[in-house]
Amino acid sequence: MTQASYYKHHIFFCLNQRENGDSCCAQQGAQAAFDQCKSAIKAAGLSGPGGVRVNKAGCLDRCAAGPVAVVYPEGTWYSFVDQTDVAEIIESHLKNGQVVERLLVPEHVGR
């Protein structure tokens, strides 16, 4: 018997800040993207059980592709540049279940 997921989609935004000066998602607009996504999901009535949960995350160890976010349960990794990219992830993936191919993080990209 398969148990349904509590959320249809769960998106985590890396908001890690590195104190040593190394590149990190926090330096690349990750907080603004998180805020945009959280507001848009709430405004669309998609938040909560059975819908979408938007979460902050510490380092997701994919720094070279930063800023990054990951959508579960699919395990789809995205990199984004601006509000348009975040809006496309929301509309295509979180609302309609369609992966945004152009924003995918290549599998080999790590820290």
C-alpha atoms as a PDB file:
ATOM      1  CA  MET A   1       0.000   0.000   0.000  1.00  0.00           C
ATOM      2  CA  THR A   2       1.415   3.349  -1.030  1.00  0.00           C
ATOM      3  CA  GLN A   3       0.946   6.292   1.276  1.00  0.00           C
ATOM      4  CA  ALA A   4       0.133   9.607  -0.378  1.00  0.00           C
ATOM      5  CA  SER A   5       2.617  12.386   0.185  1.00  0.00           C
ATOM      6  CA  TYR A   6       1.554  15.086   2.640  1.00  0.00           C
ATOM      7  CA  TYR A   7       2.471  17.712   0.041  1.00  0.00           C
ATOM      8  CA  LYS A   8       2.110  17.328  -3.703  1.00  0.00           C
ATOM      9  CA  HIS A   9       5.376  19.252  -4.141  1.00  0.00           C
ATOM     10  CA  HIS A  10       7.980  20.392  -1.631  1.00  0.00           C
ATOM     11  CA  ILE A  11      10.502  22.970  -2.857  1.00  0.00           C
ATOM     12  CA  PHE A  12      13.656  23.781  -0.926  1.00  0.00           C
ATOM     13  CA  PHE A  13      15.681  26.919  -1.689  1.00  0.00           C
ATOM     14  CA  CYS A  14      19.322  26.918  -0.637  1.00  0.00           C
ATOM     15  CA  LEU A  15      19.853  30.108   1.379  1.00  0.00           C
ATOM     16  CA  ASN A  16      23.327  29.223   2.609  1.00  0.00           C
ATOM     17  CA  GLN A  17      25.712  32.072   3.416  1.00  0.00           C
ATOM     18  CA  ARG A  18      29.430  31.269   3.402  1.00  0.00           C
ATOM     19  CA  GLU A  19      31.470  33.399   5.760  1.00  0.00           C
ATOM     20  CA  ASN A  20      34.807  32.552   4.108  1.00  0.00           C
ATOM     21  CA  GLY A  21      34.011  34.479   0.927  1.00  0.00           C
ATOM     22  CA  ASP A  22      33.335  31.419  -1.242  1.00  0.00           C
ATOM     23  CA  SER A  23      30.450  31.710  -3.686  1.00  0.00           C
ATOM     24  CA  CYS A  24      27.103  30.774  -2.183  1.00  0.00           C
ATOM     25  CA  CYS A  25      23.411  30.928  -2.981  1.00  0.00           C
ATOM     26  CA  ALA A  26      22.780  33.724  -0.469  1.00  0.00           C
ATOM     27  CA  GLN A  27      25.039  36.016  -2.530  1.00  0.00           C
ATOM     28  CA  GLN A  28      23.050  35.276  -5.680  1.00  0.00           C
ATOM     29  CA  GLY A  29      19.525  36.358  -4.802  1.00  0.00           C
ATOM     30  CA  ALA A  30      18.279  33.138  -3.222  1.00  0.00           C
ATOM     31  CA  GLN A  31      16.325  34.894  -0.454  1.00  0.00           C
ATOM     32  CA  ALA A  32      14.408  37.038  -2.949  1.00  0.00           C
ATOM     33  CA  ALA A  33      13.583  33.920  -5.005  1.00  0.00           C
ATOM     34  CA  PHE A  34      12.375  32.104  -1.887  1.00  0.00           C
ATOM     35  CA  ASP A  35      10.208  35.090  -0.900  1.00  0.00           C
ATOM     36  CA  GLN A  36       8.786  35.344  -4.433  1.00  0.00           C
ATOM     37  CA  CYS A  37       7.935  31.640  -4.568  1.00  0.00           C
ATOM     38  CA  LYS A  38       6.372  31.552  -1.095  1.00  0.00           C
ATOM     39  CA  SER A  39       4.195  34.603  -1.851  1.00  0.00           C
ATOM     40  CA  ALA A  40       3.120  33.324  -5.267  1.00  0.00           C
ATOM     41  CA  ILE A  41       2.199  29.870  -3.968  1.00  0.00           C
ATOM     42  CA  LYS A  42       0.196  31.378  -1.125  1.00  0.00           C
ATOM     43  CA  ALA A  43      -1.550  33.896  -3.419  1.00  0.00           C
ATOM     44  CA  ALA A  44      -2.502  31.076  -5.809  1.00  0.00           C
ATOM     45  CA  GLY A  45      -4.053  29.099  -2.955  1.00  0.00           C
ATOM     46  CA  LEU A  46      -1.613  26.233  -3.478  1.00  0.00           C
ATOM     47  CA  SER A  47       0.046  26.151  -0.047  1.00  0.00           C
ATOM     48  CA  GLY A  48      -0.649  23.601   2.659  1.00  0.00           C
ATOM     49  CA  PRO A  49      -1.410  19.881   2.828  1.00  0.00           C
ATOM     50  CA  GLY A  50      -2.016  18.365  -0.593  1.00  0.00           C
ATOM     51  CA  GLY A  51      -0.424  21.414  -2.189  1.00  0.00           C
ATOM     52  CA  VAL A  52       3.009  23.003  -2.217  1.00  0.00           C
ATOM     53  CA  ARG A  53       5.351  23.645   0.698  1.00  0.00           C
ATOM     54  CA  VAL A  54       8.109  26.234   0.187  1.00  0.00           C
ATOM     55  CA  ASN A  55      11.074  25.814   2.548  1.00  0.00           C
ATOM     56  CA  LYS A  56      14.417  27.378   3.318  1.00  0.00           C
ATOM     57  CA  ALA A  57      17.416  25.069   3.303  1.00  0.00           C
ATOM     58  CA  GLY A  58      21.014  25.316   4.356  1.00  0.00           C
ATOM     59  CA  CYS A  59      23.728  24.219   1.973  1.00  0.00           C
ATOM     60  CA  LEU A  60      22.450  21.717  -0.569  1.00  0.00           C
ATOM     61  CA  ASP A  61      26.021  21.110  -1.809  1.00  0.00           C
ATOM     62  CA  ARG A  62      25.347  22.097  -5.433  1.00  0.00           C
ATOM     63  CA  CYS A  63      27.126  25.462  -5.077  1.00  0.00           C
ATOM     64  CA  ALA A  64      28.638  25.476  -8.567  1.00  0.00           C
ATOM     65  CA  ALA A  65      25.125  25.759 -10.035  1.00  0.00           C
ATOM     66  CA  GLY A  66      23.874  28.328  -7.520  1.00  0.00           C
ATOM     67  CA  PRO A  67      21.491  29.619  -6.723  1.00  0.00           C
ATOM     68  CA  VAL A  68      19.625  26.308  -6.530  1.00  0.00           C
ATOM     69  CA  ALA A  69      16.299  24.880  -5.474  1.00  0.00           C
ATOM     70  CA  VAL A  70      15.114  21.276  -5.446  1.00  0.00           C
ATOM     71  CA  VAL A  71      11.548  20.018  -5.896  1.00  0.00           C
ATOM     72  CA  TYR A  72      10.405  16.806  -4.221  1.00  0.00           C
ATOM     73  CA  PRO A  73       9.120  14.142  -4.472  1.00  0.00           C
ATOM     74  CA  GLU A  74      10.666  14.185  -7.959  1.00  0.00           C
ATOM     75  CA  GLY A  75      14.129  15.305  -6.844  1.00  0.00           C
ATOM     76  CA  THR A  76      14.272  17.887  -9.639  1.00  0.00           C
ATOM     77  CA  TRP A  77      17.155  20.354  -9.241  1.00  0.00           C
ATOM     78  CA  TYR A  78      16.853  23.876 -10.629  1.00  0.00           C
ATOM     79  CA  SER A  79      19.150  26.831 -11.011  1.00  0.00           C
ATOM     80  CA  PHE A  80      17.562  30.224 -11.558  1.00  0.00           C
ATOM     81  CA  VAL A  81      18.739  33.685 -12.496  1.00  0.00           C
ATOM     82  CA  ASP A  82      15.819  36.030 -11.967  1.00  0.00           C
ATOM     83  CA  GLN A  83      12.127  36.412 -11.091  1.00  0.00           C
ATOM     84  CA  THR A  84      11.106  35.192 -14.544  1.00  0.00           C
ATOM     85  CA  ASP A  85      12.876  31.861 -13.953  1.00  0.00           C
ATOM     86  CA  VAL A  86      11.228  31.430 -10.548  1.00  0.00           C
ATOM     87  CA  ALA A  87       7.818  32.297 -12.012  1.00  0.00           C
ATOM     88  CA  GLU A  88       8.360  29.665 -14.723  1.00  0.00           C
ATOM     89  CA  ILE A  89       9.232  26.991 -12.129  1.00  0.00           C
ATOM     90  CA  ILE A  90       6.070  27.887 -10.206  1.00  0.00           C
ATOM     91  CA  GLU A  91       3.795  27.886 -13.247  1.00  0.00           C
ATOM     92  CA  SER A  92       5.241  24.900 -15.102  1.00  0.00           C
ATOM     93  CA  HIS A  93       6.383  22.528 -12.373  1.00  0.00           C
ATOM     94  CA  LEU A  94       4.583  23.410  -9.158  1.00  0.00           C
ATOM     95  CA  LYS A  95       1.212  24.215 -10.745  1.00  0.00           C
ATOM     96  CA  ASN A  96       1.214  21.973 -13.830  1.00  0.00           C
ATOM     97  CA  GLY A  97       3.720  19.197 -13.103  1.00  0.00           C
ATOM     98  CA  GLN A  98       5.927  19.998 -16.130  1.00  0.00           C
ATOM     99  CA  VAL A  99       9.693  20.121 -15.568  1.00  0.00           C
ATOM    100  CA  VAL A 100      11.407  23.296 -16.811  1.00  0.00           C
ATOM    101  CA  GLU A 101      14.180  21.622 -18.810  1.00  0.00           C
ATOM    102  CA  ARG A 102      16.168  24.802 -19.501  1.00  0.00           C
ATOM    103  CA  LEU A 103      16.645  25.458 -15.760  1.00  0.00           C
ATOM    104  CA  LEU A 104      17.755  21.963 -14.734  1.00  0.00           C
ATOM    105  CA  VAL A 105      21.062  21.594 -12.934  1.00  0.00           C
ATOM    106  CA  PRO A 106      23.266  19.102 -14.799  1.00  0.00           C
ATOM    107  CA  GLU A 107      23.735  15.885 -12.796  1.00  0.00           C
ATOM    108  CA  HIS A 108      27.531  16.245 -12.584  1.00  0.00           C
ATOM    109  CA  VAL A 109      27.461  19.756 -11.042  1.00  0.00           C
ATOM    110  CA  GLY A 110      28.223  19.707  -7.346  1.00  0.00           C
ATOM    111  CA  ARG A 111      30.064  21.954  -4.993  1.00  0.00           C
END
